[in-house]
């Protein structure tokens, strides 16, 4: 029997790893560009990276929501969250 929390966590890890692979690729393209040995990352790769990072963030939020709903974690109060941003 599958656990929805485990499934959500695994989905986030997979999306995060896909984004990290692209981040390394894009980072290397920028390093080559900066050293005069390349043209920089293609615009499409940058869009794909942004999308994959967005998907990973959504999946992480979903997993955290499931953990919270199950009573396994507590999210900080709104005033505490705002303090971290300041």
PDB file of N, CA and C in Angstrom:
ATOM      1  N   UNK A   1       0.835  -1.183   0.000  1.00  0.00           N
ATOM      2  CA  UNK A   1       0.000   0.000   0.000  1.00  0.00           C
ATOM      3  C   UNK A   1       0.881   1.247   0.000  1.00  0.00           C
ATOM      4  N   UNK A   2       0.591   2.171  -0.872  1.00  0.00           N
ATOM      5  CA  UNK A   2       1.378   3.395  -0.986  1.00  0.00           C
ATOM      6  C   UNK A   2       0.963   4.408   0.055  1.00  0.00           C
ATOM      7  N   UNK A   3       1.932   5.113   0.555  1.00  0.00           N
ATOM      8  CA  UNK A   3       1.694   6.181   1.509  1.00  0.00           C
ATOM      9  C   UNK A   3       1.714   7.501   0.728  1.00  0.00           C
ATOM     10  N   UNK A   4       0.649   8.294   0.775  1.00  0.00           N
ATOM     11  CA  UNK A   4       0.607   9.532  -0.006  1.00  0.00           C
ATOM     12  C   UNK A   4       1.720  10.512   0.375  1.00  0.00           C
ATOM     13  N   UNK A   5       2.119  10.502   1.630  1.00  0.00           N
ATOM     14  CA  UNK A   5       3.199  11.403   2.052  1.00  0.00           C
ATOM     15  C   UNK A   5       4.513  10.958   1.407  1.00  0.00           C
ATOM     16  N   UNK A   6       4.782   9.660   1.444  1.00  0.00           N
ATOM     17  CA  UNK A   6       6.001   9.147   0.810  1.00  0.00           C
ATOM     18  C   UNK A   6       5.983   9.406  -0.694  1.00  0.00           C
ATOM     19  N   UNK A   7       4.823   9.192  -1.307  1.00  0.00           N
ATOM     20  CA  UNK A   7       4.702   9.449  -2.748  1.00  0.00           C
ATOM     21  C   UNK A   7       4.962  10.917  -3.072  1.00  0.00           C
ATOM     22  N   UNK A   8       4.411  11.817  -2.259  1.00  0.00           N
ATOM     23  CA  UNK A   8       4.611  13.258  -2.480  1.00  0.00           C
ATOM     24  C   UNK A   8       6.077  13.627  -2.288  1.00  0.00           C
ATOM     25  N   UNK A   9       6.706  13.051  -1.273  1.00  0.00           N
ATOM     26  CA  UNK A   9       8.120  13.313  -1.021  1.00  0.00           C
ATOM     27  C   UNK A   9       8.968  12.820  -2.193  1.00  0.00           C
ATOM     28  N   UNK A  10       8.675  11.599  -2.652  1.00  0.00           N
ATOM     29  CA  UNK A  10       9.425  11.048  -3.783  1.00  0.00           C
ATOM     30  C   UNK A  10       9.232  11.891  -5.048  1.00  0.00           C
ATOM     31  N   UNK A  11       8.004  12.373  -5.267  1.00  0.00           N
ATOM     32  CA  UNK A  11       7.738  13.224  -6.437  1.00  0.00           C
ATOM     33  C   UNK A  11       8.527  14.518  -6.342  1.00  0.00           C
ATOM     34  N   UNK A  12       8.624  15.086  -5.140  1.00  0.00           N
ATOM     35  CA  UNK A  12       9.415  16.308  -4.972  1.00  0.00           C
ATOM     36  C   UNK A  12      10.900  16.034  -5.219  1.00  0.00           C
ATOM     37  N   UNK A  13      11.417  14.950  -4.638  1.00  0.00           N
ATOM     38  CA  UNK A  13      12.838  14.633  -4.821  1.00  0.00           C
ATOM     39  C   UNK A  13      13.171  14.452  -6.303  1.00  0.00           C
ATOM     40  N   UNK A  14      12.282  13.795  -7.031  1.00  0.00           N
ATOM     41  CA  UNK A  14      12.508  13.581  -8.459  1.00  0.00           C
ATOM     42  C   UNK A  14      12.521  14.917  -9.207  1.00  0.00           C
ATOM     43  N   UNK A  15      11.539  15.766  -8.933  1.00  0.00           N
ATOM     44  CA  UNK A  15      11.470  17.069  -9.604  1.00  0.00           C
ATOM     45  C   UNK A  15      12.659  17.935  -9.218  1.00  0.00           C
ATOM     46  N   UNK A  16      13.058  17.875  -7.952  1.00  0.00           N
ATOM     47  CA  UNK A  16      14.199  18.667  -7.497  1.00  0.00           C
ATOM     48  C   UNK A  16      15.483  18.212  -8.182  1.00  0.00           C
ATOM     49  N   UNK A  17      15.663  16.905  -8.320  1.00  0.00           N
ATOM     50  CA  UNK A  17      16.859  16.396  -8.987  1.00  0.00           C
ATOM     51  C   UNK A  17      16.888  16.801 -10.454  1.00  0.00           C
ATOM     52  N   UNK A  18      15.734  16.752 -11.119  1.00  0.00           N
ATOM     53  CA  UNK A  18      15.672  17.191 -12.519  1.00  0.00           C
ATOM     54  C   UNK A  18      16.060  18.664 -12.638  1.00  0.00           C
ATOM     55  N   UNK A  19      15.584  19.475 -11.712  1.00  0.00           N
ATOM     56  CA  UNK A  19      15.932  20.898 -11.732  1.00  0.00           C
ATOM     57  C   UNK A  19      17.427  21.088 -11.458  1.00  0.00           C
ATOM     58  N   UNK A  20      17.971  20.325 -10.532  1.00  0.00           N
ATOM     59  CA  UNK A  20      19.399  20.457 -10.208  1.00  0.00           C
ATOM     60  C   UNK A  20      20.290  20.080 -11.394  1.00  0.00           C
ATOM     61  N   UNK A  21      19.889  19.057 -12.134  1.00  0.00           N
ATOM     62  CA  UNK A  21      20.652  18.665 -13.325  1.00  0.00           C
ATOM     63  C   UNK A  21      20.688  19.832 -14.311  1.00  0.00           C
ATOM     64  N   UNK A  22      19.531  20.446 -14.543  1.00  0.00           N
ATOM     65  CA  UNK A  22      19.482  21.591 -15.455  1.00  0.00           C
ATOM     66  C   UNK A  22      20.250  22.784 -14.901  1.00  0.00           C
ATOM     67  N   UNK A  23      20.187  22.990 -13.580  1.00  0.00           N
ATOM     68  CA  UNK A  23      20.953  24.086 -12.976  1.00  0.00           C
ATOM     69  C   UNK A  23      22.447  23.915 -13.211  1.00  0.00           C
ATOM     70  N   UNK A  24      22.919  22.690 -13.086  1.00  0.00           N
ATOM     71  CA  UNK A  24      24.346  22.443 -13.355  1.00  0.00           C
ATOM     72  C   UNK A  24      24.676  22.704 -14.823  1.00  0.00           C
ATOM     73  N   UNK A  25      23.797  22.245 -15.709  1.00  0.00           N
ATOM     74  CA  UNK A  25      24.003  22.443 -17.149  1.00  0.00           C
ATOM     75  C   UNK A  25      24.021  23.936 -17.496  1.00  0.00           C
ATOM     76  N   UNK A  26      23.063  24.664 -16.987  1.00  0.00           N
ATOM     77  CA  UNK A  26      22.979  26.102 -17.258  1.00  0.00           C
ATOM     78  C   UNK A  26      24.167  26.829 -16.623  1.00  0.00           C
ATOM     79  N   UNK A  27      24.534  26.424 -15.424  1.00  0.00           N
ATOM     80  CA  UNK A  27      25.694  27.028 -14.766  1.00  0.00           C
ATOM     81  C   UNK A  27      26.969  26.828 -15.566  1.00  0.00           C
ATOM     82  N   UNK A  28      27.138  25.629 -16.095  1.00  0.00           N
ATOM     83  CA  UNK A  28      28.320  25.350 -16.918  1.00  0.00           C
ATOM     84  C   UNK A  28      28.295  26.180 -18.203  1.00  0.00           C
ATOM     85  N   UNK A  29      27.123  26.340 -18.795  1.00  0.00           N
ATOM     86  CA  UNK A  29      27.012  27.170 -20.008  1.00  0.00           C
ATOM     87  C   UNK A  29      27.396  28.613 -19.700  1.00  0.00           C
ATOM     88  N   UNK A  30      26.977  29.130 -18.529  1.00  0.00           N
ATOM     89  CA  UNK A  30      27.358  30.497 -18.162  1.00  0.00           C
ATOM     90  C   UNK A  30      28.858  30.600 -17.907  1.00  0.00           C
ATOM     91  N   UNK A  31      29.448  29.582 -17.270  1.00  0.00           N
ATOM     92  CA  UNK A  31      30.897  29.603 -17.035  1.00  0.00           C
ATOM     93  C   UNK A  31      31.666  29.628 -18.363  1.00  0.00           C
ATOM     94  N   UNK A  32      31.214  28.830 -19.326  1.00  0.00           N
ATOM     95  CA  UNK A  32      31.852  28.839 -20.645  1.00  0.00           C
ATOM     96  C   UNK A  32      31.689  30.198 -21.318  1.00  0.00           C
ATOM     97  N   UNK A  33      30.504  30.778 -21.194  1.00  0.00           N
ATOM     98  CA  UNK A  33      30.247  32.103 -21.767  1.00  0.00           C
ATOM     99  C   UNK A  33      31.177  33.143 -21.139  1.00  0.00           C
ATOM    100  N   UNK A  34      31.277  33.102 -19.813  1.00  0.00           N
ATOM    101  CA  UNK A  34      32.127  34.066 -19.104  1.00  0.00           C
ATOM    102  C   UNK A  34      33.598  33.936 -19.482  1.00  0.00           C
ATOM    103  N   UNK A  35      34.023  32.712 -19.835  1.00  0.00           N
ATOM    104  CA  UNK A  35      35.425  32.518 -20.211  1.00  0.00           C
ATOM    105  C   UNK A  35      35.662  32.712 -21.707  1.00  0.00           C
ATOM    106  N   UNK A  36      34.604  33.108 -22.431  1.00  0.00           N
ATOM    107  CA  UNK A  36      34.739  33.362 -23.858  1.00  0.00           C
ATOM    108  C   UNK A  36      34.736  32.109 -24.708  1.00  0.00           C
ATOM    109  N   UNK A  37      34.300  30.987 -24.151  1.00  0.00           N
ATOM    110  CA  UNK A  37      34.336  29.718 -24.877  1.00  0.00           C
ATOM    111  C   UNK A  37      32.954  29.199 -25.256  1.00  0.00           C
ATOM    112  N   UNK A  38      31.931  29.997 -25.080  1.00  0.00           N
ATOM    113  CA  UNK A  38      30.587  29.525 -25.387  1.00  0.00           C
ATOM    114  C   UNK A  38      29.635  30.692 -25.568  1.00  0.00           C
ATOM    115  N   UNK A  39      28.409  30.350 -25.937  1.00  0.00           N
ATOM    116  CA  UNK A  39      27.422  31.394 -26.195  1.00  0.00           C
ATOM    117  C   UNK A  39      26.414  31.557 -25.068  1.00  0.00           C
ATOM    118  N   UNK A  40      26.596  30.879 -23.968  1.00  0.00           N
ATOM    119  CA  UNK A  40      25.637  30.952 -22.876  1.00  0.00           C
ATOM    120  C   UNK A  40      24.492  29.985 -23.108  1.00  0.00           C
ATOM    121  N   UNK A  41      23.660  29.805 -22.096  1.00  0.00           N
ATOM    122  CA  UNK A  41      22.552  28.849 -22.237  1.00  0.00           C
ATOM    123  C   UNK A  41      21.483  29.371 -23.181  1.00  0.00           C
ATOM    124  N   UNK A  42      20.840  28.452 -23.868  1.00  0.00           N
ATOM    125  CA  UNK A  42      19.747  28.831 -24.762  1.00  0.00           C
ATOM    126  C   UNK A  42      18.562  29.319 -23.936  1.00  0.00           C
ATOM    127  N   UNK A  43      17.833  30.241 -24.502  1.00  0.00           N
ATOM    128  CA  UNK A  43      16.655  30.796 -23.824  1.00  0.00           C
ATOM    129  C   UNK A  43      15.678  29.688 -23.423  1.00  0.00           C
ATOM    130  N   UNK A  44      15.518  28.694 -24.287  1.00  0.00           N
ATOM    131  CA  UNK A  44      14.608  27.591 -23.993  1.00  0.00           C
ATOM    132  C   UNK A  44      15.043  26.816 -22.752  1.00  0.00           C
ATOM    133  N   UNK A  45      16.378  26.651 -22.592  1.00  0.00           N
ATOM    134  CA  UNK A  45      16.892  25.943 -21.408  1.00  0.00           C
ATOM    135  C   UNK A  45      16.604  26.745 -20.142  1.00  0.00           C
ATOM    136  N   UNK A  46      16.718  28.053 -20.237  1.00  0.00           N
ATOM    137  CA  UNK A  46      16.416  28.896 -19.078  1.00  0.00           C
ATOM    138  C   UNK A  46      14.942  28.798 -18.712  1.00  0.00           C
ATOM    139  N   UNK A  47      14.074  28.786 -19.717  1.00  0.00           N
ATOM    140  CA  UNK A  47      12.642  28.638 -19.462  1.00  0.00           C
ATOM    141  C   UNK A  47      12.347  27.258 -18.865  1.00  0.00           C
ATOM    142  N   UNK A  48      12.990  26.232 -19.413  1.00  0.00           N
ATOM    143  CA  UNK A  48      12.780  24.885 -18.894  1.00  0.00           C
ATOM    144  C   UNK A  48      13.247  24.788 -17.443  1.00  0.00           C
ATOM    145  N   UNK A  49      14.385  25.389 -17.149  1.00  0.00           N
ATOM    146  CA  UNK A  49      14.897  25.385 -15.785  1.00  0.00           C
ATOM    147  C   UNK A  49      13.921  26.081 -14.843  1.00  0.00           C
ATOM    148  N   UNK A  50      13.422  27.233 -15.242  1.00  0.00           N
ATOM    149  CA  UNK A  50      12.465  27.955 -14.397  1.00  0.00           C
ATOM    150  C   UNK A  50      11.215  27.113 -14.161  1.00  0.00           C
ATOM    151  N   UNK A  51      10.733  26.445 -15.203  1.00  0.00           N
ATOM    152  CA  UNK A  51       9.546  25.607 -15.064  1.00  0.00           C
ATOM    153  C   UNK A  51       9.810  24.435 -14.116  1.00  0.00           C
ATOM    154  N   UNK A  52      10.939  23.771 -14.307  1.00  0.00           N
ATOM    155  CA  UNK A  52      11.245  22.611 -13.459  1.00  0.00           C
ATOM    156  C   UNK A  52      11.426  23.027 -11.999  1.00  0.00           C
ATOM    157  N   UNK A  53      12.031  24.180 -11.764  1.00  0.00           N
ATOM    158  CA  UNK A  53      12.185  24.672 -10.399  1.00  0.00           C
ATOM    159  C   UNK A  53      10.803  24.994  -9.808  1.00  0.00           C
ATOM    160  N   UNK A  54       9.906  25.555 -10.631  1.00  0.00           N
ATOM    161  CA  UNK A  54       8.540  25.851 -10.188  1.00  0.00           C
ATOM    162  C   UNK A  54       7.807  24.559  -9.817  1.00  0.00           C
ATOM    163  N   UNK A  55       7.906  23.540 -10.652  1.00  0.00           N
ATOM    164  CA  UNK A  55       7.259  22.254 -10.384  1.00  0.00           C
ATOM    165  C   UNK A  55       7.799  21.666  -9.080  1.00  0.00           C
ATOM    166  N   UNK A  56       9.110  21.721  -8.891  1.00  0.00           N
ATOM    167  CA  UNK A  56       9.705  21.180  -7.667  1.00  0.00           C
ATOM    168  C   UNK A  56       9.177  21.924  -6.438  1.00  0.00           C
ATOM    169  N   UNK A  57       9.067  23.242  -6.536  1.00  0.00           N
ATOM    170  CA  UNK A  57       8.562  24.027  -5.407  1.00  0.00           C
ATOM    171  C   UNK A  57       7.110  23.670  -5.097  1.00  0.00           C
ATOM    172  N   UNK A  58       6.304  23.475  -6.124  1.00  0.00           N
ATOM    173  CA  UNK A  58       4.906  23.089  -5.908  1.00  0.00           C
ATOM    174  C   UNK A  58       4.812  21.705  -5.260  1.00  0.00           C
ATOM    175  N   UNK A  59       5.642  20.795  -5.702  1.00  0.00           N
ATOM    176  CA  UNK A  59       5.616  19.444  -5.130  1.00  0.00           C
ATOM    177  C   UNK A  59       6.095  19.447  -3.679  1.00  0.00           C
ATOM    178  N   UNK A  60       7.081  20.279  -3.376  1.00  0.00           N
ATOM    179  CA  UNK A  60       7.534  20.403  -1.996  1.00  0.00           C
ATOM    180  C   UNK A  60       6.420  20.980  -1.128  1.00  0.00           C
ATOM    181  N   UNK A  61       5.743  22.001  -1.616  1.00  0.00           N
ATOM    182  CA  UNK A  61       4.639  22.590  -0.857  1.00  0.00           C
ATOM    183  C   UNK A  61       3.543  21.551  -0.611  1.00  0.00           C
ATOM    184  N   UNK A  62       3.268  20.719  -1.596  1.00  0.00           N
ATOM    185  CA  UNK A  62       2.262  19.671  -1.441  1.00  0.00           C
ATOM    186  C   UNK A  62       2.690  18.669  -0.359  1.00  0.00           C
ATOM    187  N   UNK A  63       3.940  18.242  -0.403  1.00  0.00           N
ATOM    188  CA  UNK A  63       4.431  17.283   0.588  1.00  0.00           C
ATOM    189  C   UNK A  63       4.379  17.885   1.988  1.00  0.00           C
ATOM    190  N   UNK A  64       4.775  19.132   2.122  1.00  0.00           N
ATOM    191  CA  UNK A  64       4.721  19.793   3.424  1.00  0.00           C
ATOM    192  C   UNK A  64       3.276  19.913   3.904  1.00  0.00           C
ATOM    193  N   UNK A  65       2.369  20.222   2.976  1.00  0.00           N
ATOM    194  CA  UNK A  65       0.961  20.306   3.332  1.00  0.00           C
ATOM    195  C   UNK A  65       0.430  18.979   3.857  1.00  0.00           C
ATOM    196  N   UNK A  66       0.817  17.876   3.214  1.00  0.00           N
ATOM    197  CA  UNK A  66       0.391  16.559   3.685  1.00  0.00           C
ATOM    198  C   UNK A  66       0.960  16.251   5.067  1.00  0.00           C
ATOM    199  N   UNK A  67       2.222  16.591   5.286  1.00  0.00           N
ATOM    200  CA  UNK A  67       2.824  16.388   6.602  1.00  0.00           C
ATOM    201  C   UNK A  67       2.098  17.204   7.667  1.00  0.00           C
ATOM    202  N   UNK A  68       1.772  18.439   7.316  1.00  0.00           N
ATOM    203  CA  UNK A  68       1.045  19.314   8.247  1.00  0.00           C
ATOM    204  C   UNK A  68      -0.339  18.747   8.532  1.00  0.00           C
ATOM    205  N   UNK A  69      -1.054  18.347   7.483  1.00  0.00           N
ATOM    206  CA  UNK A  69      -2.408  17.804   7.654  1.00  0.00           C
ATOM    207  C   UNK A  69      -2.406  16.541   8.507  1.00  0.00           C
ATOM    208  N   UNK A  70      -1.347  15.762   8.420  1.00  0.00           N
ATOM    209  CA  UNK A  70      -1.238  14.526   9.206  1.00  0.00           C
ATOM    210  C   UNK A  70      -0.793  14.805  10.640  1.00  0.00           C
ATOM    211  N   UNK A  71      -0.499  16.071  10.945  1.00  0.00           N
ATOM    212  CA  UNK A  71      -0.057  16.429  12.288  1.00  0.00           C
ATOM    213  C   UNK A  71       1.387  16.071  12.575  1.00  0.00           C
ATOM    214  N   UNK A  72       2.157  15.818  11.531  1.00  0.00           N
ATOM    215  CA  UNK A  72       3.554  15.427  11.706  1.00  0.00           C
ATOM    216  C   UNK A  72       4.495  16.617  11.811  1.00  0.00           C
ATOM    217  N   UNK A  73       4.051  17.758  11.324  1.00  0.00           N
ATOM    218  CA  UNK A  73       4.825  19.000  11.471  1.00  0.00           C
ATOM    219  C   UNK A  73       3.852  20.141  11.726  1.00  0.00           C
ATOM    220  N   UNK A  74       4.381  21.207  12.280  1.00  0.00           N
ATOM    221  CA  UNK A  74       3.599  22.419  12.446  1.00  0.00           C
ATOM    222  C   UNK A  74       4.288  23.517  11.665  1.00  0.00           C
ATOM    223  N   UNK A  75       3.502  24.252  10.913  1.00  0.00           N
ATOM    224  CA  UNK A  75       4.074  25.392  10.207  1.00  0.00           C
ATOM    225  C   UNK A  75       4.100  26.570  11.167  1.00  0.00           C
ATOM    226  N   UNK A  76       5.090  27.448  11.046  1.00  0.00           N
ATOM    227  CA  UNK A  76       5.157  28.588  11.955  1.00  0.00           C
ATOM    228  C   UNK A  76       3.980  29.526  11.752  1.00  0.00           C
ATOM    229  N   UNK A  77       3.663  30.250  12.796  1.00  0.00           N
ATOM    230  CA  UNK A  77       2.600  31.256  12.702  1.00  0.00           C
ATOM    231  C   UNK A  77       2.977  32.304  11.675  1.00  0.00           C
ATOM    232  N   UNK A  78       1.991  32.969  11.134  1.00  0.00           N
ATOM    233  CA  UNK A  78       2.238  33.966  10.087  1.00  0.00           C
ATOM    234  C   UNK A  78       3.254  35.012  10.548  1.00  0.00           C
ATOM    235  N   UNK A  79       3.174  35.467  11.762  1.00  0.00           N
ATOM    236  CA  UNK A  79       4.111  36.490  12.239  1.00  0.00           C
ATOM    237  C   UNK A  79       5.541  35.958  12.255  1.00  0.00           C
ATOM    238  N   UNK A  80       5.706  34.674  12.564  1.00  0.00           N
ATOM    239  CA  UNK A  80       7.047  34.085  12.545  1.00  0.00           C
ATOM    240  C   UNK A  80       7.559  33.952  11.126  1.00  0.00           C
ATOM    241  N   UNK A  81       6.685  33.561  10.178  1.00  0.00           N
ATOM    242  CA  UNK A  81       7.115  33.453   8.775  1.00  0.00           C
ATOM    243  C   UNK A  81       7.569  34.799   8.256  1.00  0.00           C
ATOM    244  N   UNK A  82       6.843  35.857   8.599  1.00  0.00           N
ATOM    245  CA  UNK A  82       7.192  37.196   8.116  1.00  0.00           C
ATOM    246  C   UNK A  82       8.517  37.652   8.709  1.00  0.00           C
ATOM    247  N   UNK A  83       8.830  37.230   9.915  1.00  0.00           N
ATOM    248  CA  UNK A  83      10.095  37.622  10.552  1.00  0.00           C
ATOM    249  C   UNK A  83      11.283  37.059   9.773  1.00  0.00           C
ATOM    250  N   UNK A  84      11.130  35.860   9.190  1.00  0.00           N
ATOM    251  CA  UNK A  84      12.217  35.278   8.412  1.00  0.00           C
ATOM    252  C   UNK A  84      12.468  36.055   7.126  1.00  0.00           C
ATOM    253  N   UNK A  85      11.437  36.670   6.583  1.00  0.00           N
ATOM    254  CA  UNK A  85      11.560  37.406   5.332  1.00  0.00           C
ATOM    255  C   UNK A  85      12.250  38.746   5.563  1.00  0.00           C
ATOM    256  N   UNK A  86      12.003  39.342   6.699  1.00  0.00           N
ATOM    257  CA  UNK A  86      12.548  40.682   6.988  1.00  0.00           C
ATOM    258  C   UNK A  86      14.034  40.681   7.144  1.00  0.00           C
TER     259      UNK A  86
END
